[in-house]
Amino acid sequence: SAGGRNYADSVKGRFTISRDNTKNTVYLQMDSL
């Protein structure tokens, strides 16, 4: 909830997680798949 992020080593630098607390929604942007 404070914005702290953790990633699996296999996706670091390629995936980005974000959230919109007003919408209770989480996103996963996946690049260089």
Full PDB file with SEQRES, HELIX, SHEET, SSBOND, CRYST1, ORIGX, SCALE, CONECT and MASTER records, all heavy atoms in Angstrom:
SEQRES   1 A   33  SER ALA GLY GLY ARG ASN TYR ALA ASP SER VAL LYS GLY          
SEQRES   2 A   33  ARG PHE THR ILE SER ARG ASP ASN THR LYS ASN THR VAL          
SEQRES   3 A   33  TYR LEU GLN MET ASP SER LEU                                  
SHEET    1 AA1 2 PHE A  15  ASP A  20  0                                        
SHEET    2 AA1 2 THR A  25  MET A  30 -1                                        
CRYST1    1.000    1.000    1.000  90.00  90.00  90.00 P 1           1          
ORIGX1      1.000000  0.000000  0.000000        0.00000                         
ORIGX2      0.000000  1.000000  0.000000        0.00000                         
ORIGX3      0.000000  0.000000  1.000000        0.00000                         
SCALE1      1.000000  0.000000  0.000000        0.00000                         
SCALE2      0.000000  1.000000  0.000000        0.00000                         
SCALE3      0.000000  0.000000  1.000000        0.00000                         
ATOM      1  N   SER A   1       0.824  -1.206   0.000  1.00  0.00           N  
ATOM      2  CA  SER A   1       0.000   0.000   0.000  1.00  0.00           C  
ATOM      3  C   SER A   1       0.857   1.255   0.000  1.00  0.00           C  
ATOM      4  O   SER A   1       0.418   2.309  -0.477  1.00  0.00           O  
ATOM      5  CB  SER A   1      -0.937   0.000   1.203  1.00  0.00           C  
ATOM      6  OG  SER A   1      -0.187  -0.094   2.402  1.00  0.00           O  
ATOM      7  N   ALA A   2       2.073   1.149   0.502  1.00  0.00           N  
ATOM      8  CA  ALA A   2       2.979   2.303   0.522  1.00  0.00           C  
ATOM      9  C   ALA A   2       3.791   2.428  -0.761  1.00  0.00           C  
ATOM     10  O   ALA A   2       4.567   3.366  -0.912  1.00  0.00           O  
ATOM     11  CB  ALA A   2       3.926   2.199   1.713  1.00  0.00           C  
ATOM     12  N   GLY A   3       3.617   1.475  -1.667  1.00  0.00           N  
ATOM     13  CA  GLY A   3       4.326   1.553  -2.943  1.00  0.00           C  
ATOM     14  C   GLY A   3       5.611   0.751  -3.020  1.00  0.00           C  
ATOM     15  O   GLY A   3       6.331   0.819  -4.023  1.00  0.00           O  
ATOM     16  N   GLY A   4       5.913  -0.012  -1.985  1.00  0.00           N  
ATOM     17  CA  GLY A   4       7.107  -0.848  -2.023  1.00  0.00           C  
ATOM     18  C   GLY A   4       6.936  -1.997  -3.003  1.00  0.00           C  
ATOM     19  O   GLY A   4       5.897  -2.651  -3.003  1.00  0.00           O  
ATOM     20  N   ARG A   5       7.928  -2.232  -3.832  1.00  0.00           N  
ATOM     21  CA  ARG A   5       7.818  -3.225  -4.903  1.00  0.00           C  
ATOM     22  C   ARG A   5       8.854  -4.328  -4.757  1.00  0.00           C  
ATOM     23  O   ARG A   5       9.984  -4.068  -4.361  1.00  0.00           O  
ATOM     24  CB  ARG A   5       7.995  -2.564  -6.274  1.00  0.00           C  
ATOM     25  CG  ARG A   5       6.913  -1.561  -6.642  1.00  0.00           C  
ATOM     26  CD  ARG A   5       7.298  -0.760  -7.879  1.00  0.00           C  
ATOM     27  NE  ARG A   5       6.212   0.058  -8.391  1.00  0.00           N  
ATOM     28  CZ  ARG A   5       5.921   1.268  -7.938  1.00  0.00           C  
ATOM     29  NH1 ARG A   5       6.629   1.788  -6.936  1.00  0.00           N  
ATOM     30  NH2 ARG A   5       4.927   1.948  -8.469  1.00  0.00           N  
ATOM     31  N   ASN A   6       8.449  -5.527  -5.133  1.00  0.00           N  
ATOM     32  CA  ASN A   6       9.377  -6.655  -5.222  1.00  0.00           C  
ATOM     33  C   ASN A   6       9.137  -7.373  -6.539  1.00  0.00           C  
ATOM     34  O   ASN A   6       7.992  -7.533  -6.960  1.00  0.00           O  
ATOM     35  CB  ASN A   6       9.169  -7.630  -4.063  1.00  0.00           C  
ATOM     36  CG  ASN A   6       9.903  -7.187  -2.815  1.00  0.00           C  
ATOM     37  OD1 ASN A   6      11.130  -7.120  -2.794  1.00  0.00           O  
ATOM     38  ND2 ASN A   6       9.165  -6.865  -1.782  1.00  0.00           N  
ATOM     39  N   TYR A   7      10.234  -7.796  -7.154  1.00  0.00           N  
ATOM     40  CA  TYR A   7      10.155  -8.486  -8.442  1.00  0.00           C  
ATOM     41  C   TYR A   7      10.943  -9.787  -8.397  1.00  0.00           C  
ATOM     42  O   TYR A   7      11.983  -9.883  -7.738  1.00  0.00           O  
ATOM     43  CB  TYR A   7      10.735  -7.622  -9.565  1.00  0.00           C  
ATOM     44  CG  TYR A   7       9.981  -6.354  -9.846  1.00  0.00           C  
ATOM     45  CD1 TYR A   7      10.378  -5.149  -9.282  1.00  0.00           C  
ATOM     46  CD2 TYR A   7       8.880  -6.349 -10.704  1.00  0.00           C  
ATOM     47  CE1 TYR A   7       9.690  -3.972  -9.541  1.00  0.00           C  
ATOM     48  CE2 TYR A   7       8.188  -5.184 -10.980  1.00  0.00           C  
ATOM     49  CZ  TYR A   7       8.601  -4.002 -10.403  1.00  0.00           C  
ATOM     50  OH  TYR A   7       7.912  -2.844 -10.666  1.00  0.00           O  
ATOM     51  N   ALA A   8      10.474 -10.759  -9.139  1.00  0.00           N  
ATOM     52  CA  ALA A   8      11.272 -11.959  -9.361  1.00  0.00           C  
ATOM     53  C   ALA A   8      12.493 -11.572 -10.185  1.00  0.00           C  
ATOM     54  O   ALA A   8      12.417 -10.683 -11.051  1.00  0.00           O  
ATOM     55  CB  ALA A   8      10.447 -13.004 -10.100  1.00  0.00           C  
ATOM     56  N   ASP A   9      13.608 -12.222  -9.927  1.00  0.00           N  
ATOM     57  CA  ASP A   9      14.836 -11.894 -10.659  1.00  0.00           C  
ATOM     58  C   ASP A   9      14.647 -12.037 -12.166  1.00  0.00           C  
ATOM     59  O   ASP A   9      15.222 -11.281 -12.947  1.00  0.00           O  
ATOM     60  CB  ASP A   9      15.976 -12.809 -10.199  1.00  0.00           C  
ATOM     61  CG  ASP A   9      16.471 -12.471  -8.806  1.00  0.00           C  
ATOM     62  OD1 ASP A   9      16.194 -11.347  -8.323  1.00  0.00           O  
ATOM     63  OD2 ASP A   9      17.124 -13.327  -8.193  1.00  0.00           O  
ATOM     64  N   SER A  10      13.830 -12.987 -12.565  1.00  0.00           N  
ATOM     65  CA  SER A  10      13.653 -13.269 -13.990  1.00  0.00           C  
ATOM     66  C   SER A  10      12.921 -12.161 -14.742  1.00  0.00           C  
ATOM     67  O   SER A  10      12.960 -12.132 -15.978  1.00  0.00           O  
ATOM     68  CB  SER A  10      12.902 -14.586 -14.174  1.00  0.00           C  
ATOM     69  OG  SER A  10      11.630 -14.524 -13.550  1.00  0.00           O  
ATOM     70  N   VAL A  11      12.257 -11.250 -14.019  1.00  0.00           N  
ATOM     71  CA  VAL A  11      11.488 -10.203 -14.705  1.00  0.00           C  
ATOM     72  C   VAL A  11      12.002  -8.800 -14.403  1.00  0.00           C  
ATOM     73  O   VAL A  11      11.501  -7.829 -14.964  1.00  0.00           O  
ATOM     74  CB  VAL A  11       9.988 -10.285 -14.347  1.00  0.00           C  
ATOM     75  CG1 VAL A  11       9.451 -11.687 -14.612  1.00  0.00           C  
ATOM     76  CG2 VAL A  11       9.719  -9.847 -12.926  1.00  0.00           C  
ATOM     77  N   LYS A  12      12.995  -8.684 -13.536  1.00  0.00           N  
ATOM     78  CA  LYS A  12      13.533  -7.365 -13.193  1.00  0.00           C  
ATOM     79  C   LYS A  12      14.031  -6.650 -14.445  1.00  0.00           C  
ATOM     80  O   LYS A  12      14.729  -7.239 -15.268  1.00  0.00           O  
ATOM     81  CB  LYS A  12      14.667  -7.508 -12.177  1.00  0.00           C  
ATOM     82  CG  LYS A  12      14.201  -7.788 -10.759  1.00  0.00           C  
ATOM     83  CD  LYS A  12      15.381  -7.905  -9.802  1.00  0.00           C  
ATOM     84  CE  LYS A  12      14.892  -8.183  -8.383  1.00  0.00           C  
ATOM     85  NZ  LYS A  12      16.034  -8.377  -7.438  1.00  0.00           N  
ATOM     86  N   GLY A  13      13.666  -5.377 -14.543  1.00  0.00           N  
ATOM     87  CA  GLY A  13      14.074  -4.589 -15.698  1.00  0.00           C  
ATOM     88  C   GLY A  13      13.159  -4.722 -16.900  1.00  0.00           C  
ATOM     89  O   GLY A  13      13.296  -3.962 -17.869  1.00  0.00           O  
ATOM     90  N   ARG A  14      12.237  -5.680 -16.851  1.00  0.00           N  
ATOM     91  CA  ARG A  14      11.306  -5.876 -17.971  1.00  0.00           C  
ATOM     92  C   ARG A  14       9.846  -5.643 -17.580  1.00  0.00           C  
ATOM     93  O   ARG A  14       9.054  -5.187 -18.396  1.00  0.00           O  
ATOM     94  CB  ARG A  14      11.453  -7.304 -18.522  1.00  0.00           C  
ATOM     95  CG  ARG A  14      12.840  -7.626 -19.036  1.00  0.00           C  
ATOM     96  CD  ARG A  14      12.858  -8.995 -19.741  1.00  0.00           C  
ATOM     97  NE  ARG A  14      12.507 -10.094 -18.842  1.00  0.00           N  
ATOM     98  CZ  ARG A  14      11.472 -10.909 -19.033  1.00  0.00           C  
ATOM     99  NH1 ARG A  14      10.683 -10.748 -20.090  1.00  0.00           N  
ATOM    100  NH2 ARG A  14      11.226 -11.912 -18.190  1.00  0.00           N  
ATOM    101  N   PHE A  15       9.500  -5.999 -16.353  1.00  0.00           N  
ATOM    102  CA  PHE A  15       8.126  -5.852 -15.869  1.00  0.00           C  
ATOM    103  C   PHE A  15       8.055  -4.716 -14.858  1.00  0.00           C  
ATOM    104  O   PHE A  15       9.009  -4.489 -14.094  1.00  0.00           O  
ATOM    105  CB  PHE A  15       7.655  -7.133 -15.193  1.00  0.00           C  
ATOM    106  CG  PHE A  15       7.451  -8.320 -16.101  1.00  0.00           C  
ATOM    107  CD1 PHE A  15       7.871  -8.302 -17.429  1.00  0.00           C  
ATOM    108  CD2 PHE A  15       6.825  -9.452 -15.630  1.00  0.00           C  
ATOM    109  CE1 PHE A  15       7.682  -9.396 -18.260  1.00  0.00           C  
ATOM    110  CE2 PHE A  15       6.618 -10.554 -16.436  1.00  0.00           C  
ATOM    111  CZ  PHE A  15       7.060 -10.521 -17.744  1.00  0.00           C  
ATOM    112  N   THR A  16       6.907  -4.042 -14.837  1.00  0.00           N  
ATOM    113  CA  THR A  16       6.674  -2.973 -13.872  1.00  0.00           C  
ATOM    114  C   THR A  16       5.296  -3.137 -13.259  1.00  0.00           C  
ATOM    115  O   THR A  16       4.299  -3.210 -13.985  1.00  0.00           O  
ATOM    116  CB  THR A  16       6.768  -1.593 -14.535  1.00  0.00           C  
ATOM    117  OG1 THR A  16       8.058  -1.443 -15.156  1.00  0.00           O  
ATOM    118  CG2 THR A  16       6.587  -0.499 -13.494  1.00  0.00           C  
ATOM    119  N   ILE A  17       5.249  -3.200 -11.937  1.00  0.00           N  
ATOM    120  CA  ILE A  17       3.974  -3.295 -11.237  1.00  0.00           C  
ATOM    121  C   ILE A  17       3.597  -1.918 -10.708  1.00  0.00           C  
ATOM    122  O   ILE A  17       4.460  -1.147 -10.263  1.00  0.00           O  
ATOM    123  CB  ILE A  17       4.028  -4.339 -10.097  1.00  0.00           C  
ATOM    124  CG1 ILE A  17       2.628  -4.602  -9.548  1.00  0.00           C  
ATOM    125  CG2 ILE A  17       4.993  -3.913  -9.002  1.00  0.00           C  
ATOM    126  CD1 ILE A  17       2.558  -5.789  -8.592  1.00  0.00           C  
ATOM    127  N   SER A  18       2.305  -1.607 -10.769  1.00  0.00           N  
ATOM    128  CA  SER A  18       1.809  -0.343 -10.230  1.00  0.00           C  
ATOM    129  C   SER A  18       0.393  -0.570  -9.713  1.00  0.00           C  
ATOM    130  O   SER A  18      -0.227  -1.593 -10.012  1.00  0.00           O  
ATOM    131  CB  SER A  18       1.825   0.749 -11.293  1.00  0.00           C  
ATOM    132  OG  SER A  18       0.998   0.398 -12.400  1.00  0.00           O  
ATOM    133  N   ARG A  19      -0.099   0.369  -8.941  1.00  0.00           N  
ATOM    134  CA  ARG A  19      -1.447   0.241  -8.414  1.00  0.00           C  
ATOM    135  C   ARG A  19      -2.098   1.600  -8.328  1.00  0.00           C  
ATOM    136  O   ARG A  19      -1.430   2.623  -8.148  1.00  0.00           O  
ATOM    137  CB  ARG A  19      -1.438  -0.461  -7.053  1.00  0.00           C  
ATOM    138  CG  ARG A  19      -0.724   0.284  -5.945  1.00  0.00           C  
ATOM    139  CD  ARG A  19      -0.580  -0.587  -4.688  1.00  0.00           C  
ATOM    140  NE  ARG A  19      -1.803  -0.634  -3.904  1.00  0.00           N  
ATOM    141  CZ  ARG A  19      -1.938  -1.377  -2.811  1.00  0.00           C  
ATOM    142  NH1 ARG A  19      -0.932  -2.146  -2.400  1.00  0.00           N  
ATOM    143  NH2 ARG A  19      -3.067  -1.358  -2.127  1.00  0.00           N  
ATOM    144  N   ASP A  20      -3.423   1.585  -8.438  1.00  0.00           N  
ATOM    145  CA  ASP A  20      -4.237   2.771  -8.257  1.00  0.00           C  
ATOM    146  C   ASP A  20      -5.121   2.505  -7.046  1.00  0.00           C  
ATOM    147  O   ASP A  20      -6.100   1.753  -7.139  1.00  0.00           O  
ATOM    148  CB  ASP A  20      -5.077   3.018  -9.515  1.00  0.00           C  
ATOM    149  CG  ASP A  20      -5.879   4.306  -9.432  1.00  0.00           C  
ATOM    150  OD1 ASP A  20      -6.152   4.786  -8.310  1.00  0.00           O  
ATOM    151  OD2 ASP A  20      -6.242   4.834 -10.493  1.00  0.00           O  
ATOM    152  N   ASN A  21      -4.762   3.095  -5.928  1.00  0.00           N  
ATOM    153  CA  ASN A  21      -5.492   2.828  -4.688  1.00  0.00           C  
ATOM    154  C   ASN A  21      -6.926   3.368  -4.734  1.00  0.00           C  
ATOM    155  O   ASN A  21      -7.796   2.853  -4.037  1.00  0.00           O  
ATOM    156  CB  ASN A  21      -4.751   3.416  -3.495  1.00  0.00           C  
ATOM    157  CG  ASN A  21      -3.450   2.676  -3.210  1.00  0.00           C  
ATOM    158  OD1 ASN A  21      -3.329   1.484  -3.461  1.00  0.00           O  
ATOM    159  ND2 ASN A  21      -2.461   3.392  -2.685  1.00  0.00           N  
ATOM    160  N   THR A  22      -7.169   4.382  -5.527  1.00  0.00           N  
ATOM    161  CA  THR A  22      -8.520   4.943  -5.618  1.00  0.00           C  
ATOM    162  C   THR A  22      -9.462   3.989  -6.355  1.00  0.00           C  
ATOM    163  O   THR A  22     -10.675   4.058  -6.183  1.00  0.00           O  
ATOM    164  CB  THR A  22      -8.517   6.297  -6.327  1.00  0.00           C  
ATOM    165  OG1 THR A  22      -8.099   6.118  -7.686  1.00  0.00           O  
ATOM    166  CG2 THR A  22      -7.567   7.267  -5.639  1.00  0.00           C  
ATOM    167  N   LYS A  23      -8.885   3.129  -7.184  1.00  0.00           N  
ATOM    168  CA  LYS A  23      -9.684   2.179  -7.959  1.00  0.00           C  
ATOM    169  C   LYS A  23      -9.487   0.743  -7.483  1.00  0.00           C  
ATOM    170  O   LYS A  23     -10.051  -0.185  -8.069  1.00  0.00           O  
ATOM    171  CB  LYS A  23      -9.313   2.267  -9.443  1.00  0.00           C  
ATOM    172  CG  LYS A  23      -9.600   3.616 -10.078  1.00  0.00           C  
ATOM    173  CD  LYS A  23      -9.203   3.624 -11.548  1.00  0.00           C  
ATOM    174  CE  LYS A  23      -9.496   4.960 -12.184  1.00  0.00           C  
ATOM    175  NZ  LYS A  23      -9.082   4.989 -13.621  1.00  0.00           N  
ATOM    176  N   ASN A  24      -8.668   0.540  -6.453  1.00  0.00           N  
ATOM    177  CA  ASN A  24      -8.349  -0.816  -5.975  1.00  0.00           C  
ATOM    178  C   ASN A  24      -7.896  -1.701  -7.133  1.00  0.00           C  
ATOM    179  O   ASN A  24      -8.336  -2.851  -7.274  1.00  0.00           O  
ATOM    180  CB  ASN A  24      -9.552  -1.442  -5.260  1.00  0.00           C  
ATOM    181  CG  ASN A  24      -9.859  -0.753  -3.951  1.00  0.00           C  
ATOM    182  OD1 ASN A  24      -8.972  -0.279  -3.259  1.00  0.00           O  
ATOM    183  ND2 ASN A  24     -11.140  -0.688  -3.627  1.00  0.00           N  
ATOM    184  N   THR A  25      -7.026  -1.159  -7.947  1.00  0.00           N  
ATOM    185  CA  THR A  25      -6.591  -1.847  -9.157  1.00  0.00           C  
ATOM    186  C   THR A  25      -5.070  -1.950  -9.186  1.00  0.00           C  
ATOM    187  O   THR A  25      -4.365  -1.002  -8.840  1.00  0.00           O  
ATOM    188  CB  THR A  25      -7.084  -1.116 -10.411  1.00  0.00           C  
ATOM    189  OG1 THR A  25      -8.515  -1.096 -10.400  1.00  0.00           O  
ATOM    190  CG2 THR A  25      -6.619  -1.822 -11.681  1.00  0.00           C  
ATOM    191  N   VAL A  26      -4.594  -3.106  -9.620  1.00  0.00           N  
ATOM    192  CA  VAL A  26      -3.160  -3.319  -9.785  1.00  0.00           C  
ATOM    193  C   VAL A  26      -2.878  -3.651 -11.242  1.00  0.00           C  
ATOM    194  O   VAL A  26      -3.693  -4.304 -11.910  1.00  0.00           O  
ATOM    195  CB  VAL A  26      -2.652  -4.445  -8.859  1.00  0.00           C  
ATOM    196  CG1 VAL A  26      -3.305  -5.790  -9.173  1.00  0.00           C  
ATOM    197  CG2 VAL A  26      -1.134  -4.557  -8.891  1.00  0.00           C  
ATOM    198  N   TYR A  27      -1.752  -3.174 -11.730  1.00  0.00           N  
ATOM    199  CA  TYR A  27      -1.364  -3.356 -13.131  1.00  0.00           C  
ATOM    200  C   TYR A  27       0.003  -4.054 -13.198  1.00  0.00           C  
ATOM    201  O   TYR A  27       0.825  -3.925 -12.294  1.00  0.00           O  
ATOM    202  CB  TYR A  27      -1.261  -2.008 -13.841  1.00  0.00           C  
ATOM    203  CG  TYR A  27      -2.498  -1.152 -13.733  1.00  0.00           C  
ATOM    204  CD1 TYR A  27      -2.602  -0.180 -12.739  1.00  0.00           C  
ATOM    205  CD2 TYR A  27      -3.563  -1.316 -14.613  1.00  0.00           C  
ATOM    206  CE1 TYR A  27      -3.734   0.603 -12.621  1.00  0.00           C  
ATOM    207  CE2 TYR A  27      -4.697  -0.531 -14.506  1.00  0.00           C  
ATOM    208  CZ  TYR A  27      -4.778   0.431 -13.507  1.00  0.00           C  
ATOM    209  OH  TYR A  27      -5.902   1.208 -13.400  1.00  0.00           O  
ATOM    210  N   LEU A  28       0.211  -4.742 -14.292  1.00  0.00           N  
ATOM    211  CA  LEU A  28       1.520  -5.320 -14.564  1.00  0.00           C  
ATOM    212  C   LEU A  28       1.857  -5.011 -16.019  1.00  0.00           C  
ATOM    213  O   LEU A  28       1.252  -5.584 -16.934  1.00  0.00           O  
ATOM    214  CB  LEU A  28       1.547  -6.829 -14.319  1.00  0.00           C  
ATOM    215  CG  LEU A  28       2.929  -7.466 -14.465  1.00  0.00           C  
ATOM    216  CD1 LEU A  28       3.859  -6.982 -13.341  1.00  0.00           C  
ATOM    217  CD2 LEU A  28       2.836  -8.995 -14.433  1.00  0.00           C  
ATOM    218  N   GLN A  29       2.798  -4.103 -16.207  1.00  0.00           N  
ATOM    219  CA  GLN A  29       3.290  -3.791 -17.541  1.00  0.00           C  
ATOM    220  C   GLN A  29       4.438  -4.738 -17.848  1.00  0.00           C  
ATOM    221  O   GLN A  29       5.440  -4.771 -17.124  1.00  0.00           O  
ATOM    222  CB  GLN A  29       3.785  -2.343 -17.609  1.00  0.00           C  
ATOM    223  CG  GLN A  29       4.374  -1.940 -18.946  1.00  0.00           C  
ATOM    224  CD  GLN A  29       3.349  -1.944 -20.062  1.00  0.00           C  
ATOM    225  OE1 GLN A  29       2.213  -1.513 -19.885  1.00  0.00           O  
ATOM    226  NE2 GLN A  29       3.748  -2.433 -21.241  1.00  0.00           N  
ATOM    227  N   MET A  30       4.267  -5.521 -18.907  1.00  0.00           N  
ATOM    228  CA  MET A  30       5.270  -6.524 -19.262  1.00  0.00           C  
ATOM    229  C   MET A  30       5.878  -6.153 -20.610  1.00  0.00           C  
ATOM    230  O   MET A  30       5.178  -6.139 -21.629  1.00  0.00           O  
ATOM    231  CB  MET A  30       4.611  -7.903 -19.325  1.00  0.00           C  
ATOM    232  CG  MET A  30       3.911  -8.317 -18.044  1.00  0.00           C  
ATOM    233  SD  MET A  30       3.283 -10.004 -18.060  1.00  0.00           S  
ATOM    234  CE  MET A  30       2.004  -9.856 -19.302  1.00  0.00           C  
ATOM    235  N   ASP A  31       7.146  -5.842 -20.604  1.00  0.00           N  
ATOM    236  CA  ASP A  31       7.876  -5.483 -21.814  1.00  0.00           C  
ATOM    237  C   ASP A  31       8.957  -6.525 -22.093  1.00  0.00           C  
ATOM    238  O   ASP A  31       9.331  -7.301 -21.231  1.00  0.00           O  
ATOM    239  CB  ASP A  31       8.505  -4.102 -21.645  1.00  0.00           C  
ATOM    240  CG  ASP A  31       7.470  -3.013 -21.426  1.00  0.00           C  
ATOM    241  OD1 ASP A  31       6.422  -3.036 -22.096  1.00  0.00           O  
ATOM    242  OD2 ASP A  31       7.717  -2.127 -20.575  1.00  0.00           O  
ATOM    243  N   SER A  32       9.463  -6.490 -23.314  1.00  0.00           N  
ATOM    244  CA  SER A  32      10.525  -7.422 -23.723  1.00  0.00           C  
ATOM    245  C   SER A  32      10.173  -8.854 -23.351  1.00  0.00           C  
ATOM    246  O   SER A  32      10.995  -9.589 -22.781  1.00  0.00           O  
ATOM    247  CB  SER A  32      11.860  -7.014 -23.083  1.00  0.00           C  
ATOM    248  OG  SER A  32      12.210  -5.689 -23.438  1.00  0.00           O  
ATOM    249  N   LEU A  33       8.973  -9.240 -23.674  1.00  0.00           N  
ATOM    250  CA  LEU A  33       8.508 -10.568 -23.285  1.00  0.00           C  
ATOM    251  C   LEU A  33       9.293 -11.671 -23.973  1.00  0.00           C  
ATOM    252  O   LEU A  33       9.720 -11.536 -25.133  1.00  0.00           O  
ATOM    253  CB  LEU A  33       7.017 -10.698 -23.604  1.00  0.00           C  
ATOM    254  CG  LEU A  33       6.100 -10.002 -22.579  1.00  0.00           C  
ATOM    255  CD1 LEU A  33       4.727  -9.746 -23.164  1.00  0.00           C  
ATOM    256  CD2 LEU A  33       5.999 -10.850 -21.318  1.00  0.00           C  
TER     257      LEU A  33                                                      
MASTER        0    0    0    0    2    0    0    6  256    1    0    3          
END                                                                             
